[in-house]
PDB file of all heavy atoms in Angstrom:
ATOM      1  N   PHE A   1      27.827 -62.591  69.345  1.00  0.00           N
ATOM      2  CA  PHE A   1      28.234 -61.469  70.125  1.00  0.00           C
ATOM      3  C   PHE A   1      28.706 -62.058  71.551  1.00  0.00           C
ATOM      4  O   PHE A   1      27.996 -62.602  72.335  1.00  0.00           O
ATOM      5  CB  PHE A   1      27.052 -60.542  70.533  1.00  0.00           C
ATOM      6  CG  PHE A   1      26.667 -59.657  69.330  1.00  0.00           C
ATOM      7  CD1 PHE A   1      25.885 -60.160  68.371  1.00  0.00           C
ATOM      8  CD2 PHE A   1      27.114 -58.370  69.230  1.00  0.00           C
ATOM      9  CE1 PHE A   1      25.527 -59.321  67.253  1.00  0.00           C
ATOM     10  CE2 PHE A   1      26.735 -57.560  68.162  1.00  0.00           C
ATOM     11  CZ  PHE A   1      25.914 -58.023  67.206  1.00  0.00           C
ATOM     12  N   TYR A   2      30.019 -61.975  71.767  1.00  0.00           N
ATOM     13  CA  TYR A   2      30.631 -62.414  73.017  1.00  0.00           C
ATOM     14  C   TYR A   2      30.189 -63.834  73.384  1.00  0.00           C
ATOM     15  O   TYR A   2      29.767 -64.116  74.534  1.00  0.00           O
ATOM     16  CB  TYR A   2      30.283 -61.454  74.233  1.00  0.00           C
ATOM     17  CG  TYR A   2      30.498 -60.054  73.887  1.00  0.00           C
ATOM     18  CD1 TYR A   2      29.529 -59.116  73.610  1.00  0.00           C
ATOM     19  CD2 TYR A   2      31.903 -59.590  73.720  1.00  0.00           C
ATOM     20  CE1 TYR A   2      29.828 -57.823  73.261  1.00  0.00           C
ATOM     21  CE2 TYR A   2      32.156 -58.312  73.345  1.00  0.00           C
ATOM     22  CZ  TYR A   2      31.169 -57.382  73.157  1.00  0.00           C
ATOM     23  OH  TYR A   2      31.398 -56.076  72.865  1.00  0.00           O
ATOM     24  N   GLY A   3      30.238 -64.753  72.395  1.00  0.00           N
ATOM     25  CA  GLY A   3      29.976 -66.119  72.648  1.00  0.00           C
ATOM     26  C   GLY A   3      28.493 -66.459  72.601  1.00  0.00           C
ATOM     27  O   GLY A   3      28.109 -67.646  72.794  1.00  0.00           O
ATOM     28  N   ARG A   4      27.649 -65.518  72.295  1.00  0.00           N
ATOM     29  CA  ARG A   4      26.161 -65.793  72.182  1.00  0.00           C
ATOM     30  C   ARG A   4      25.686 -65.343  70.856  1.00  0.00           C
ATOM     31  O   ARG A   4      26.080 -64.314  70.314  1.00  0.00           O
ATOM     32  CB  ARG A   4      25.465 -64.977  73.367  1.00  0.00           C
ATOM     33  CG  ARG A   4      23.958 -65.391  73.408  1.00  0.00           C
ATOM     34  CD  ARG A   4      23.316 -64.757  74.642  1.00  0.00           C
ATOM     35  NE  ARG A   4      23.396 -63.303  74.618  1.00  0.00           N
ATOM     36  CZ  ARG A   4      22.406 -62.540  74.113  1.00  0.00           C
ATOM     37  NH1 ARG A   4      21.359 -63.181  73.523  1.00  0.00           N
ATOM     38  NH2 ARG A   4      22.493 -61.181  74.142  1.00  0.00           N
ATOM     39  N   THR A   5      24.749 -66.113  70.301  1.00  0.00           N
ATOM     40  CA  THR A   5      24.246 -65.890  68.972  1.00  0.00           C
ATOM     41  C   THR A   5      22.984 -65.051  69.038  1.00  0.00           C
ATOM     42  O   THR A   5      22.037 -65.316  69.792  1.00  0.00           O
ATOM     43  CB  THR A   5      23.992 -67.181  68.202  1.00  0.00           C
ATOM     44  OG1 THR A   5      25.117 -67.960  68.137  1.00  0.00           O
ATOM     45  CG2 THR A   5      23.391 -66.889  66.848  1.00  0.00           C
ATOM     46  N   ILE A   6      22.966 -63.991  68.200  1.00  0.00           N
ATOM     47  CA  ILE A   6      21.744 -63.196  68.013  1.00  0.00           C
ATOM     48  C   ILE A   6      21.283 -63.384  66.633  1.00  0.00           C
ATOM     49  O   ILE A   6      22.024 -63.389  65.678  1.00  0.00           O
ATOM     50  CB  ILE A   6      22.040 -61.702  68.254  1.00  0.00           C
ATOM     51  CG1 ILE A   6      22.434 -61.489  69.766  1.00  0.00           C
ATOM     52  CG2 ILE A   6      20.760 -60.848  67.930  1.00  0.00           C
ATOM     53  CD1 ILE A   6      22.715 -60.018  70.051  1.00  0.00           C
ATOM     54  N   SER A   7      19.954 -63.619  66.535  1.00  0.00           N
ATOM     55  CA  SER A   7      19.378 -64.001  65.231  1.00  0.00           C
ATOM     56  C   SER A   7      18.281 -63.049  64.778  1.00  0.00           C
ATOM     57  O   SER A   7      17.608 -62.355  65.600  1.00  0.00           O
ATOM     58  CB  SER A   7      18.778 -65.431  65.308  1.00  0.00           C
ATOM     59  OG  SER A   7      19.730 -66.341  65.704  1.00  0.00           O
ATOM     60  N   ASP A   8      18.013 -62.999  63.511  1.00  0.00           N
ATOM     61  CA  ASP A   8      16.838 -62.332  62.909  1.00  0.00           C
ATOM     62  C   ASP A   8      15.944 -63.413  62.309  1.00  0.00           C
ATOM     63  O   ASP A   8      16.337 -64.471  62.112  1.00  0.00           O
ATOM     64  CB  ASP A   8      17.271 -61.361  61.809  1.00  0.00           C
ATOM     65  CG  ASP A   8      17.953 -60.086  62.396  1.00  0.00           C
ATOM     66  OD1 ASP A   8      17.659 -59.795  63.527  1.00  0.00           O
ATOM     67  OD2 ASP A   8      18.704 -59.452  61.636  1.00  0.00           O
ATOM     68  N   SER A   9      14.747 -63.023  62.054  1.00  0.00           N
ATOM     69  CA  SER A   9      13.776 -63.942  61.448  1.00  0.00           C
ATOM     70  C   SER A   9      14.243 -64.322  60.069  1.00  0.00           C
ATOM     71  O   SER A   9      13.969 -65.425  59.585  1.00  0.00           O
ATOM     72  CB  SER A   9      12.396 -63.330  61.357  1.00  0.00           C
ATOM     73  OG  SER A   9      12.428 -62.133  60.578  1.00  0.00           O
ATOM     74  N   ARG A  10      15.050 -63.517  59.398  1.00  0.00           N
ATOM     75  CA  ARG A  10      15.626 -63.831  58.101  1.00  0.00           C
ATOM     76  C   ARG A  10      16.820 -62.874  57.841  1.00  0.00           C
ATOM     77  O   ARG A  10      16.926 -61.848  58.494  1.00  0.00           O
ATOM     78  CB  ARG A  10      14.682 -63.763  56.962  1.00  0.00           C
ATOM     79  CG  ARG A  10      14.099 -62.379  56.706  1.00  0.00           C
ATOM     80  CD  ARG A  10      13.074 -62.414  55.612  1.00  0.00           C
ATOM     81  NE  ARG A  10      12.568 -61.046  55.231  1.00  0.00           N
ATOM     82  CZ  ARG A  10      13.181 -60.302  54.276  1.00  0.00           C
ATOM     83  NH1 ARG A  10      14.241 -60.685  53.638  1.00  0.00           N
ATOM     84  NH2 ARG A  10      12.633 -59.101  54.053  1.00  0.00           N
ATOM     85  N   GLY A  11      17.683 -63.181  56.924  1.00  0.00           N
ATOM     86  CA  GLY A  11      18.855 -62.405  56.660  1.00  0.00           C
ATOM     87  C   GLY A  11      18.574 -61.183  55.881  1.00  0.00           C
ATOM     88  O   GLY A  11      17.741 -61.217  54.913  1.00  0.00           O
ATOM     89  N   HIS A  12      19.245 -60.067  56.178  1.00  0.00           N
ATOM     90  CA  HIS A  12      18.969 -58.809  55.431  1.00  0.00           C
ATOM     91  C   HIS A  12      20.289 -58.248  54.763  1.00  0.00           C
ATOM     92  O   HIS A  12      20.218 -57.317  54.069  1.00  0.00           O
ATOM     93  CB  HIS A  12      18.417 -57.754  56.304  1.00  0.00           C
ATOM     94  CG  HIS A  12      17.085 -58.134  57.002  1.00  0.00           C
ATOM     95  ND1 HIS A  12      15.941 -58.125  56.241  1.00  0.00           N
ATOM     96  CD2 HIS A  12      16.755 -58.537  58.248  1.00  0.00           C
ATOM     97  CE1 HIS A  12      14.940 -58.511  57.054  1.00  0.00           C
ATOM     98  NE2 HIS A  12      15.433 -58.729  58.245  1.00  0.00           N
ATOM     99  N   GLY A  13      21.412 -58.869  55.066  1.00  0.00           N
ATOM    100  CA  GLY A  13      22.687 -58.450  54.515  1.00  0.00           C
ATOM    101  C   GLY A  13      23.068 -57.086  55.044  1.00  0.00           C
ATOM    102  O   GLY A  13      22.741 -56.711  56.218  1.00  0.00           O
ATOM    103  N   LYS A  14      23.702 -56.293  54.167  1.00  0.00           N
ATOM    104  CA  LYS A  14      24.141 -54.906  54.517  1.00  0.00           C
ATOM    105  C   LYS A  14      22.983 -53.904  54.251  1.00  0.00           C
ATOM    106  O   LYS A  14      22.538 -53.799  53.078  1.00  0.00           O
ATOM    107  CB  LYS A  14      25.407 -54.567  53.726  1.00  0.00           C
ATOM    108  CG  LYS A  14      26.617 -55.376  54.107  1.00  0.00           C
ATOM    109  CD  LYS A  14      27.858 -54.965  53.332  1.00  0.00           C
ATOM    110  CE  LYS A  14      29.060 -55.726  53.742  1.00  0.00           C
ATOM    111  NZ  LYS A  14      30.259 -55.326  53.018  1.00  0.00           N
ATOM    112  N   ILE A  15      22.513 -53.327  55.281  1.00  0.00           N
ATOM    113  CA  ILE A  15      21.421 -52.358  55.159  1.00  0.00           C
ATOM    114  C   ILE A  15      21.720 -51.074  55.934  1.00  0.00           C
ATOM    115  O   ILE A  15      22.627 -51.081  56.789  1.00  0.00           O
ATOM    116  CB  ILE A  15      20.140 -52.981  55.664  1.00  0.00           C
ATOM    117  CG1 ILE A  15      20.255 -53.532  57.068  1.00  0.00           C
ATOM    118  CG2 ILE A  15      19.594 -54.100  54.772  1.00  0.00           C
ATOM    119  CD1 ILE A  15      18.951 -54.010  57.719  1.00  0.00           C
ATOM    120  N   SER A  16      20.963 -50.040  55.709  1.00  0.00           N
ATOM    121  CA  SER A  16      21.170 -48.771  56.423  1.00  0.00           C
ATOM    122  C   SER A  16      20.633 -48.894  57.830  1.00  0.00           C
ATOM    123  O   SER A  16      19.794 -49.827  58.159  1.00  0.00           O
ATOM    124  CB  SER A  16      20.472 -47.603  55.731  1.00  0.00           C
ATOM    125  OG  SER A  16      19.048 -47.778  55.801  1.00  0.00           O
ATOM    126  N   ALA A  17      20.959 -47.990  58.739  1.00  0.00           N
ATOM    127  CA  ALA A  17      20.514 -48.030  60.093  1.00  0.00           C
ATOM    128  C   ALA A  17      18.953 -47.838  60.113  1.00  0.00           C
ATOM    129  O   ALA A  17      18.206 -48.409  60.924  1.00  0.00           O
ATOM    130  CB  ALA A  17      21.209 -46.928  60.918  1.00  0.00           C
ATOM    131  N   ALA A  18      18.524 -46.902  59.239  1.00  0.00           N
ATOM    132  CA  ALA A  18      17.035 -46.708  59.171  1.00  0.00           C
ATOM    133  C   ALA A  18      16.302 -47.963  58.720  1.00  0.00           C
ATOM    134  O   ALA A  18      15.335 -48.280  59.309  1.00  0.00           O
ATOM    135  CB  ALA A  18      16.780 -45.531  58.216  1.00  0.00           C
ATOM    136  N   ARG A  19      16.867 -48.626  57.784  1.00  0.00           N
ATOM    137  CA  ARG A  19      16.270 -49.873  57.274  1.00  0.00           C
ATOM    138  C   ARG A  19      16.306 -50.978  58.307  1.00  0.00           C
ATOM    139  O   ARG A  19      15.356 -51.767  58.447  1.00  0.00           O
ATOM    140  CB  ARG A  19      16.932 -50.308  55.989  1.00  0.00           C
ATOM    141  CG  ARG A  19      16.303 -51.550  55.313  1.00  0.00           C
ATOM    142  CD  ARG A  19      14.942 -51.255  54.879  1.00  0.00           C
ATOM    143  NE  ARG A  19      14.241 -52.483  54.267  1.00  0.00           N
ATOM    144  CZ  ARG A  19      12.891 -52.560  54.095  1.00  0.00           C
ATOM    145  NH1 ARG A  19      12.144 -51.576  54.467  1.00  0.00           N
ATOM    146  NH2 ARG A  19      12.445 -53.689  53.532  1.00  0.00           N
ATOM    147  N   ALA A  20      17.331 -50.949  59.126  1.00  0.00           N
ATOM    148  CA  ALA A  20      17.443 -51.957  60.245  1.00  0.00           C
ATOM    149  C   ALA A  20      16.324 -51.841  61.246  1.00  0.00           C
ATOM    150  O   ALA A  20      15.730 -52.835  61.698  1.00  0.00           O
ATOM    151  CB  ALA A  20      18.777 -51.777  60.979  1.00  0.00           C
ATOM    152  N   LEU A  21      15.837 -50.617  61.454  1.00  0.00           N
ATOM    153  CA  LEU A  21      14.677 -50.401  62.376  1.00  0.00           C
ATOM    154  C   LEU A  21      13.359 -50.721  61.595  1.00  0.00           C
ATOM    155  O   LEU A  21      12.508 -51.348  62.224  1.00  0.00           O
ATOM    156  CB  LEU A  21      14.647 -48.975  62.872  1.00  0.00           C
ATOM    157  CG  LEU A  21      13.575 -48.625  63.950  1.00  0.00           C
ATOM    158  CD1 LEU A  21      13.726 -49.527  65.124  1.00  0.00           C
ATOM    159  CD2 LEU A  21      13.563 -47.175  64.308  1.00  0.00           C
ATOM    160  N   GLU A  22      13.322 -50.389  60.337  1.00  0.00           N
ATOM    161  CA  GLU A  22      12.120 -50.724  59.585  1.00  0.00           C
ATOM    162  C   GLU A  22      11.798 -52.191  59.581  1.00  0.00           C
ATOM    163  O   GLU A  22      10.683 -52.630  59.741  1.00  0.00           O
ATOM    164  CB  GLU A  22      12.244 -50.234  58.178  1.00  0.00           C
ATOM    165  CG  GLU A  22      12.245 -48.672  58.017  1.00  0.00           C
ATOM    166  CD  GLU A  22      12.543 -48.252  56.602  1.00  0.00           C
ATOM    167  OE1 GLU A  22      12.480 -49.119  55.707  1.00  0.00           O
ATOM    168  OE2 GLU A  22      12.904 -47.046  56.389  1.00  0.00           O
ATOM    169  N   VAL A  23      12.877 -53.016  59.369  1.00  0.00           N
ATOM    170  CA  VAL A  23      12.625 -54.466  59.278  1.00  0.00           C
ATOM    171  C   VAL A  23      12.875 -55.107  60.655  1.00  0.00           C
ATOM    172  O   VAL A  23      12.857 -56.325  60.815  1.00  0.00           O
ATOM    173  CB  VAL A  23      13.671 -55.084  58.214  1.00  0.00           C
ATOM    174  CG1 VAL A  23      13.369 -54.552  56.926  1.00  0.00           C
ATOM    175  CG2 VAL A  23      15.094 -54.911  58.619  1.00  0.00           C
ATOM    176  N   SER A  24      13.066 -54.278  61.704  1.00  0.00           N
ATOM    177  CA  SER A  24      13.280 -54.772  63.081  1.00  0.00           C
ATOM    178  C   SER A  24      14.379 -55.843  63.173  1.00  0.00           C
ATOM    179  O   SER A  24      14.215 -56.927  63.718  1.00  0.00           O
ATOM    180  CB  SER A  24      11.905 -55.358  63.567  1.00  0.00           C
ATOM    181  OG  SER A  24      11.984 -55.524  64.992  1.00  0.00           O
ATOM    182  N   SER A  25      15.575 -55.422  62.709  1.00  0.00           N
ATOM    183  CA  SER A  25      16.687 -56.387  62.746  1.00  0.00           C
ATOM    184  C   SER A  25      17.412 -56.376  64.090  1.00  0.00           C
ATOM    185  O   SER A  25      17.943 -55.307  64.584  1.00  0.00           O
ATOM    186  CB  SER A  25      17.754 -55.994  61.667  1.00  0.00           C
ATOM    187  OG  SER A  25      18.938 -56.728  61.911  1.00  0.00           O
ATOM    188  N   ASN A  26      17.302 -57.471  64.845  1.00  0.00           N
ATOM    189  CA  ASN A  26      18.023 -57.595  66.103  1.00  0.00           C
ATOM    190  C   ASN A  26      19.475 -57.391  65.925  1.00  0.00           C
ATOM    191  O   ASN A  26      20.154 -56.702  66.751  1.00  0.00           O
ATOM    192  CB  ASN A  26      17.754 -58.972  66.744  1.00  0.00           C
ATOM    193  CG  ASN A  26      16.312 -59.227  67.016  1.00  0.00           C
ATOM    194  OD1 ASN A  26      15.549 -58.325  67.254  1.00  0.00           O
ATOM    195  ND2 ASN A  26      15.897 -60.471  67.086  1.00  0.00           N
ATOM    196  N   ILE A  27      20.048 -58.073  64.943  1.00  0.00           N
ATOM    197  CA  ILE A  27      21.443 -57.941  64.592  1.00  0.00           C
ATOM    198  C   ILE A  27      21.873 -56.531  64.325  1.00  0.00           C
ATOM    199  O   ILE A  27      22.924 -56.027  64.770  1.00  0.00           O
ATOM    200  CB  ILE A  27      21.892 -58.898  63.465  1.00  0.00           C
ATOM    201  CG1 ILE A  27      21.614 -60.347  63.825  1.00  0.00           C
ATOM    202  CG2 ILE A  27      23.380 -58.713  63.069  1.00  0.00           C
ATOM    203  CD1 ILE A  27      21.785 -61.282  62.736  1.00  0.00           C
ATOM    204  N   GLY A  28      21.081 -55.853  63.535  1.00  0.00           N
ATOM    205  CA  GLY A  28      21.384 -54.466  63.117  1.00  0.00           C
ATOM    206  C   GLY A  28      21.477 -53.542  64.309  1.00  0.00           C
ATOM    207  O   GLY A  28      22.474 -52.830  64.448  1.00  0.00           O
ATOM    208  N   LEU A  29      20.503 -53.582  65.203  1.00  0.00           N
ATOM    209  CA  LEU A  29      20.471 -52.663  66.353  1.00  0.00           C
ATOM    210  C   LEU A  29      21.589 -53.074  67.370  1.00  0.00           C
ATOM    211  O   LEU A  29      22.281 -52.229  67.914  1.00  0.00           O
ATOM    212  CB  LEU A  29      19.161 -52.639  67.034  1.00  0.00           C
ATOM    213  CG  LEU A  29      18.147 -51.576  66.471  1.00  0.00           C
ATOM    214  CD1 LEU A  29      18.710 -50.193  66.829  1.00  0.00           C
ATOM    215  CD2 LEU A  29      17.797 -51.699  65.063  1.00  0.00           C
ATOM    216  N   ALA A  30      21.797 -54.372  67.552  1.00  0.00           N
ATOM    217  CA  ALA A  30      22.841 -54.877  68.505  1.00  0.00           C
ATOM    218  C   ALA A  30      24.181 -54.428  67.993  1.00  0.00           C
ATOM    219  O   ALA A  30      25.023 -54.012  68.756  1.00  0.00           O
ATOM    220  CB  ALA A  30      22.683 -56.328  68.609  1.00  0.00           C
ATOM    221  N   THR A  31      24.405 -54.522  66.722  1.00  0.00           N
ATOM    222  CA  THR A  31      25.708 -54.092  66.136  1.00  0.00           C
ATOM    223  C   THR A  31      25.973 -52.609  66.289  1.00  0.00           C
ATOM    224  O   THR A  31      27.025 -52.136  66.697  1.00  0.00           O
ATOM    225  CB  THR A  31      25.718 -54.518  64.636  1.00  0.00           C
ATOM    226  OG1 THR A  31      25.590 -55.895  64.515  1.00  0.00           O
ATOM    227  CG2 THR A  31      27.087 -54.059  64.030  1.00  0.00           C
ATOM    228  N   ILE A  32      24.930 -51.798  66.009  1.00  0.00           N
ATOM    229  CA  ILE A  32      25.046 -50.328  66.089  1.00  0.00           C
ATOM    230  C   ILE A  32      25.388 -49.969  67.540  1.00  0.00           C
ATOM    231  O   ILE A  32      26.358 -49.146  67.776  1.00  0.00           O
ATOM    232  CB  ILE A  32      23.713 -49.623  65.687  1.00  0.00           C
ATOM    233  CG1 ILE A  32      23.508 -49.773  64.199  1.00  0.00           C
ATOM    234  CG2 ILE A  32      23.698 -48.159  66.153  1.00  0.00           C
ATOM    235  CD1 ILE A  32      22.161 -49.302  63.691  1.00  0.00           C
ATOM    236  N   ILE A  33      24.733 -50.526  68.559  1.00  0.00           N
ATOM    237  CA  ILE A  33      24.963 -50.145  69.926  1.00  0.00           C
ATOM    238  C   ILE A  33      26.218 -50.689  70.423  1.00  0.00           C
ATOM    239  O   ILE A  33      27.007 -50.038  71.129  1.00  0.00           O
ATOM    240  CB  ILE A  33      23.760 -50.575  70.805  1.00  0.00           C
ATOM    241  CG1 ILE A  33      22.433 -49.918  70.406  1.00  0.00           C
ATOM    242  CG2 ILE A  33      24.005 -50.312  72.252  1.00  0.00           C
ATOM    243  CD1 ILE A  33      22.510 -48.404  70.286  1.00  0.00           C
ATOM    244  N   ASP A  34      26.536 -51.953  70.093  1.00  0.00           N
ATOM    245  CA  ASP A  34      27.752 -52.589  70.593  1.00  0.00           C
ATOM    246  C   ASP A  34      28.987 -51.851  70.020  1.00  0.00           C
ATOM    247  O   ASP A  34      29.981 -51.624  70.719  1.00  0.00           O
ATOM    248  CB  ASP A  34      27.797 -54.061  70.275  1.00  0.00           C
ATOM    249  CG  ASP A  34      28.949 -54.753  70.967  1.00  0.00           C
ATOM    250  OD1 ASP A  34      28.970 -54.810  72.235  1.00  0.00           O
ATOM    251  OD2 ASP A  34      29.804 -55.300  70.241  1.00  0.00           O
ATOM    252  N   ASP A  35      28.978 -51.605  68.663  1.00  0.00           N
ATOM    253  CA  ASP A  35      30.132 -50.931  68.084  1.00  0.00           C
ATOM    254  C   ASP A  35      30.442 -49.580  68.635  1.00  0.00           C
ATOM    255  O   ASP A  35      31.564 -49.167  68.679  1.00  0.00           O
ATOM    256  CB  ASP A  35      29.857 -50.818  66.496  1.00  0.00           C
ATOM    257  CG  ASP A  35      30.005 -52.181  65.820  1.00  0.00           C
ATOM    258  OD1 ASP A  35      30.403 -53.120  66.427  1.00  0.00           O
ATOM    259  OD2 ASP A  35      29.627 -52.189  64.598  1.00  0.00           O
ATOM    260  N   ASN A  36      29.412 -48.837  69.011  1.00  0.00           N
ATOM    261  CA  ASN A  36      29.590 -47.452  69.392  1.00  0.00           C
ATOM    262  C   ASN A  36      29.574 -47.204  70.929  1.00  0.00           C
ATOM    263  O   ASN A  36      29.948 -46.098  71.402  1.00  0.00           O
ATOM    264  CB  ASN A  36      28.496 -46.560  68.723  1.00  0.00           C
ATOM    265  CG  ASN A  36      28.648 -46.570  67.237  1.00  0.00           C
ATOM    266  OD1 ASN A  36      29.514 -45.886  66.684  1.00  0.00           O
ATOM    267  ND2 ASN A  36      27.785 -47.306  66.519  1.00  0.00           N
ATOM    268  N   TYR A  37      29.145 -48.188  71.700  1.00  0.00           N
ATOM    269  CA  TYR A  37      29.066 -47.984  73.183  1.00  0.00           C
ATOM    270  C   TYR A  37      29.751 -49.073  73.984  1.00  0.00           C
ATOM    271  O   TYR A  37      29.719 -48.891  75.208  1.00  0.00           O
ATOM    272  CB  TYR A  37      27.568 -47.864  73.551  1.00  0.00           C
ATOM    273  CG  TYR A  37      26.849 -46.635  73.015  1.00  0.00           C
ATOM    274  CD1 TYR A  37      26.049 -46.853  71.924  1.00  0.00           C
ATOM    275  CD2 TYR A  37      26.982 -45.416  73.594  1.00  0.00           C
ATOM    276  CE1 TYR A  37      25.302 -45.739  71.415  1.00  0.00           C
ATOM    277  CE2 TYR A  37      26.283 -44.320  73.100  1.00  0.00           C
ATOM    278  CZ  TYR A  37      25.491 -44.483  71.973  1.00  0.00           C
ATOM    279  OH  TYR A  37      24.807 -43.390  71.500  1.00  0.00           O
ATOM    280  N   ALA A  38      30.304 -50.054  73.354  1.00  0.00           N
ATOM    281  CA  ALA A  38      30.888 -51.183  74.126  1.00  0.00           C
ATOM    282  C   ALA A  38      32.044 -50.654  75.006  1.00  0.00           C
ATOM    283  O   ALA A  38      32.164 -51.166  76.179  1.00  0.00           O
ATOM    284  CB  ALA A  38      31.513 -52.187  73.214  1.00  0.00           C
TER     285      ALA A  38
END
């Protein structure tokens, strides 16, 4: 993201927004917020 790497404890691939919160995906939530509010 803008020259900086955001990581998860492990890869989850393509998942729903609900599942992103369940597994606490940093990438998932960062993507949701950046895509819609940047």
